[in-house]
Amino acid sequence: MIDAAELRSALGRFATGVTIITTRSASGEAVGVTASSFNAVSLDPPLILWSLGRNAFSHPVFEAASHFAVHVLGEDQQDLSNRFARASSAKFEGLATGEGLGGVPLLGNCTAVFECSTEHRYAGGDHLILVGRVLRLGQGPAERPPLLFHQGRYAALAGETSTA
């Protein structure tokens, strides 16, 4: 048996970017969650995936959603990440948002935004895996550093690295 705490610790050694995923409920409520479980799947067709814990308050909304948006955060957006990581009904309060495909709320000033239709949903143990078809995307400046998460806390790039 693999100990869950040990598995979580080992997985935490893999640095990830930080995203906020947004959608809209059937009743029209804006819903969002911070997620680091974001990944590319395919360039042709353009597919991405992310996963959400089945015990998450927003799980039923994302499971039923036809569209969602993935917002890749910059290193200066820790407060926004923390806001969407908490259980709260006021996550969007005071934020200026746009409207994306399927009526999904769009956050401004992100390093990249992927507007997606939900292509597939898979059971993944204690998580729901959502695969989205990228229908539209936007990018901020390439030189803007990303917000990273490593070993249970935010991290920053150390500087330039050589390329292979």
Protein backbone atom coordinates (compact mmCIF):
# COMPACT_ATOMS: atom_id res chain seq x y z
CA MET A 1 0.00 0.00 0.00
CA ILE A 2 1.10 3.53 -0.77
CA ASP A 3 0.69 5.93 2.12
CA ALA A 4 -1.44 8.92 0.99
CA ALA A 5 0.66 11.46 2.90
CA GLU A 6 3.88 10.07 1.43
CA LEU A 7 2.38 10.09 -2.08
CA ARG A 8 1.24 13.71 -1.64
CA SER A 9 4.73 14.68 -0.43
CA ALA A 10 6.43 12.97 -3.38
CA LEU A 11 4.00 14.53 -5.88
CA GLY A 12 4.72 17.93 -4.31
CA ARG A 13 8.30 17.66 -5.54
CA PHE A 14 7.00 18.26 -9.05
CA ALA A 15 6.69 22.01 -9.60
CA THR A 16 3.49 23.06 -11.34
CA GLY A 17 1.98 26.23 -12.67
CA VAL A 18 -1.09 27.66 -10.99
CA THR A 19 -4.39 28.19 -12.77
CA ILE A 20 -7.90 29.33 -11.99
CA ILE A 21 -10.65 27.44 -13.76
CA THR A 22 -13.99 29.21 -14.21
CA THR A 23 -17.42 28.22 -15.43
CA ARG A 24 -21.04 29.17 -14.97
CA SER A 25 -23.66 27.05 -13.21
CA ALA A 26 -27.00 26.16 -14.79
CA SER A 27 -28.58 28.88 -12.63
CA GLY A 28 -26.09 31.48 -13.95
CA GLU A 29 -23.75 31.67 -10.94
CA ALA A 30 -20.06 32.34 -11.67
CA VAL A 31 -17.93 29.50 -10.27
CA GLY A 32 -14.15 29.26 -10.01
CA VAL A 33 -11.44 27.19 -8.41
CA THR A 34 -7.65 27.28 -8.15
CA ALA A 35 -6.01 24.24 -9.73
CA SER A 36 -2.46 23.12 -10.40
CA SER A 37 -3.56 19.90 -12.13
CA PHE A 38 -3.55 21.41 -15.62
CA ASN A 39 -1.89 19.72 -18.58
CA ALA A 40 -1.71 19.67 -22.38
CA VAL A 41 -3.16 16.58 -24.04
CA SER A 42 -3.07 17.17 -27.80
CA LEU A 43 -2.26 19.86 -30.35
CA ASP A 44 -4.47 18.32 -33.03
CA PRO A 45 -7.18 18.49 -31.94
CA PRO A 46 -6.32 21.14 -29.33
CA LEU A 47 -7.08 19.41 -26.01
CA ILE A 48 -6.13 20.18 -22.40
CA LEU A 49 -7.06 18.50 -19.14
CA TRP A 50 -7.39 19.31 -15.47
CA SER A 51 -8.79 17.50 -12.46
CA LEU A 52 -11.03 18.44 -9.57
CA GLY A 53 -11.55 16.63 -6.27
CA ARG A 54 -14.91 14.90 -6.03
CA ASN A 55 -15.38 16.46 -2.59
CA ALA A 56 -14.94 20.02 -3.94
CA PHE A 57 -17.96 22.26 -3.44
CA SER A 58 -17.88 23.20 -7.14
CA HIS A 59 -17.62 19.58 -8.36
CA PRO A 60 -21.29 19.23 -9.44
CA VAL A 61 -21.14 22.50 -11.39
CA PHE A 62 -17.97 21.58 -13.31
CA GLU A 63 -19.23 18.04 -13.90
CA ALA A 64 -22.32 19.45 -15.65
CA ALA A 65 -20.63 22.40 -17.39
CA SER A 66 -20.52 22.56 -21.18
CA HIS A 67 -17.70 25.16 -21.14
CA PHE A 68 -14.89 26.29 -18.85
CA ALA A 69 -11.89 28.62 -19.01
CA VAL A 70 -8.38 27.98 -17.72
CA HIS A 71 -6.52 31.11 -16.56
CA VAL A 72 -2.74 30.69 -16.17
CA LEU A 73 -1.52 32.99 -13.39
CA GLY A 74 1.56 35.19 -13.25
CA GLU A 75 3.88 35.30 -10.23
CA ASP A 76 2.22 38.52 -9.03
CA GLN A 77 -1.20 36.83 -8.70
CA GLN A 78 -0.83 34.89 -5.45
CA ASP A 79 -3.71 36.82 -3.87
CA LEU A 80 -6.01 35.83 -6.74
CA SER A 81 -4.91 32.20 -6.43
CA ASN A 82 -5.61 32.25 -2.69
CA ARG A 83 -9.02 33.85 -3.24
CA PHE A 84 -10.15 31.05 -5.57
CA ALA A 85 -8.56 28.31 -3.42
CA ARG A 86 -10.86 29.11 -0.49
CA ALA A 87 -14.42 27.89 -0.08
CA SER A 88 -16.42 31.09 -0.54
CA SER A 89 -19.44 32.33 -2.44
CA ALA A 90 -17.77 35.73 -2.93
CA LYS A 91 -14.81 34.71 -5.10
CA PHE A 92 -15.81 37.05 -7.94
CA GLU A 93 -16.89 39.94 -5.68
CA GLY A 94 -15.17 43.16 -6.75
CA LEU A 95 -13.43 41.55 -9.75
CA ALA A 96 -13.90 42.88 -13.24
CA THR A 97 -14.67 39.95 -15.50
CA GLY A 98 -15.44 39.47 -19.15
CA GLU A 99 -17.72 36.92 -20.72
CA GLY A 100 -16.26 34.00 -22.62
CA LEU A 101 -17.68 31.23 -24.72
CA GLY A 102 -20.68 29.56 -23.12
CA GLY A 103 -21.08 32.56 -20.81
CA VAL A 104 -18.01 31.56 -18.79
CA PRO A 105 -16.52 34.37 -16.65
CA LEU A 106 -13.09 35.50 -17.84
CA LEU A 107 -10.50 36.99 -15.49
CA GLY A 108 -8.24 39.76 -16.74
CA ASN A 109 -4.47 40.14 -16.63
CA CYS A 110 -3.56 36.44 -16.82
CA THR A 111 -0.52 35.10 -18.64
CA ALA A 112 -2.72 32.85 -20.78
CA VAL A 113 -6.41 31.97 -21.03
CA PHE A 114 -7.85 28.86 -22.67
CA GLU A 115 -11.59 28.91 -23.41
CA CYS A 116 -12.80 25.34 -23.76
CA SER A 117 -15.82 23.20 -24.42
CA THR A 118 -15.99 20.10 -22.25
CA GLU A 119 -14.94 17.21 -24.47
CA HIS A 120 -14.70 14.32 -21.97
CA ARG A 121 -15.23 13.58 -18.29
CA TYR A 122 -13.46 10.65 -16.64
CA ALA A 123 -13.57 9.18 -13.17
CA GLY A 124 -10.08 9.36 -11.71
CA GLY A 125 -10.25 7.87 -8.22
CA ASP A 126 -11.13 10.68 -5.85
CA HIS A 127 -10.99 13.21 -8.70
CA LEU A 128 -12.96 14.07 -11.82
CA ILE A 129 -10.74 14.48 -14.90
CA LEU A 130 -12.05 17.03 -17.38
CA VAL A 131 -10.74 17.20 -20.93
CA GLY A 132 -11.47 20.41 -22.78
CA ARG A 133 -11.28 21.31 -26.44
CA VAL A 134 -9.57 24.69 -26.76
CA LEU A 135 -11.85 26.91 -28.84
CA ARG A 136 -10.17 30.25 -28.20
CA LEU A 137 -7.05 31.41 -26.36
CA GLY A 138 -5.26 34.56 -25.33
CA GLN A 139 -1.74 35.31 -24.13
CA GLY A 140 -0.06 38.00 -22.08
CA PRO A 141 3.58 39.09 -22.43
CA ALA A 142 5.98 36.15 -22.87
CA GLU A 143 8.47 37.63 -20.42
CA ARG A 144 5.99 37.63 -17.51
CA PRO A 145 7.08 34.93 -15.01
CA PRO A 146 4.51 32.29 -14.05
CA LEU A 147 3.12 31.61 -10.59
CA LEU A 148 4.53 28.24 -9.50
CA PHE A 149 3.62 25.80 -6.75
CA HIS A 150 6.19 23.43 -5.25
CA GLN A 151 6.22 21.37 -2.04
CA GLY A 152 3.03 22.92 -0.71
CA ARG A 153 3.91 26.58 -1.26
CA TYR A 154 4.33 29.18 -3.97
CA ALA A 155 7.69 29.29 -5.72
CA ALA A 156 9.47 31.50 -8.24
CA LEU A 157 11.76 30.80 -11.15
CA ALA A 158 15.40 30.92 -10.04
CA GLY A 159 16.57 32.69 -13.18
CA GLU A 160 17.82 31.86 -16.62
CA THR A 161 18.65 28.26 -17.45
CA SER A 162 20.53 26.93 -20.42
CA THR A 163 18.65 25.27 -23.26
CA ALA A 164 19.50 21.86 -24.61
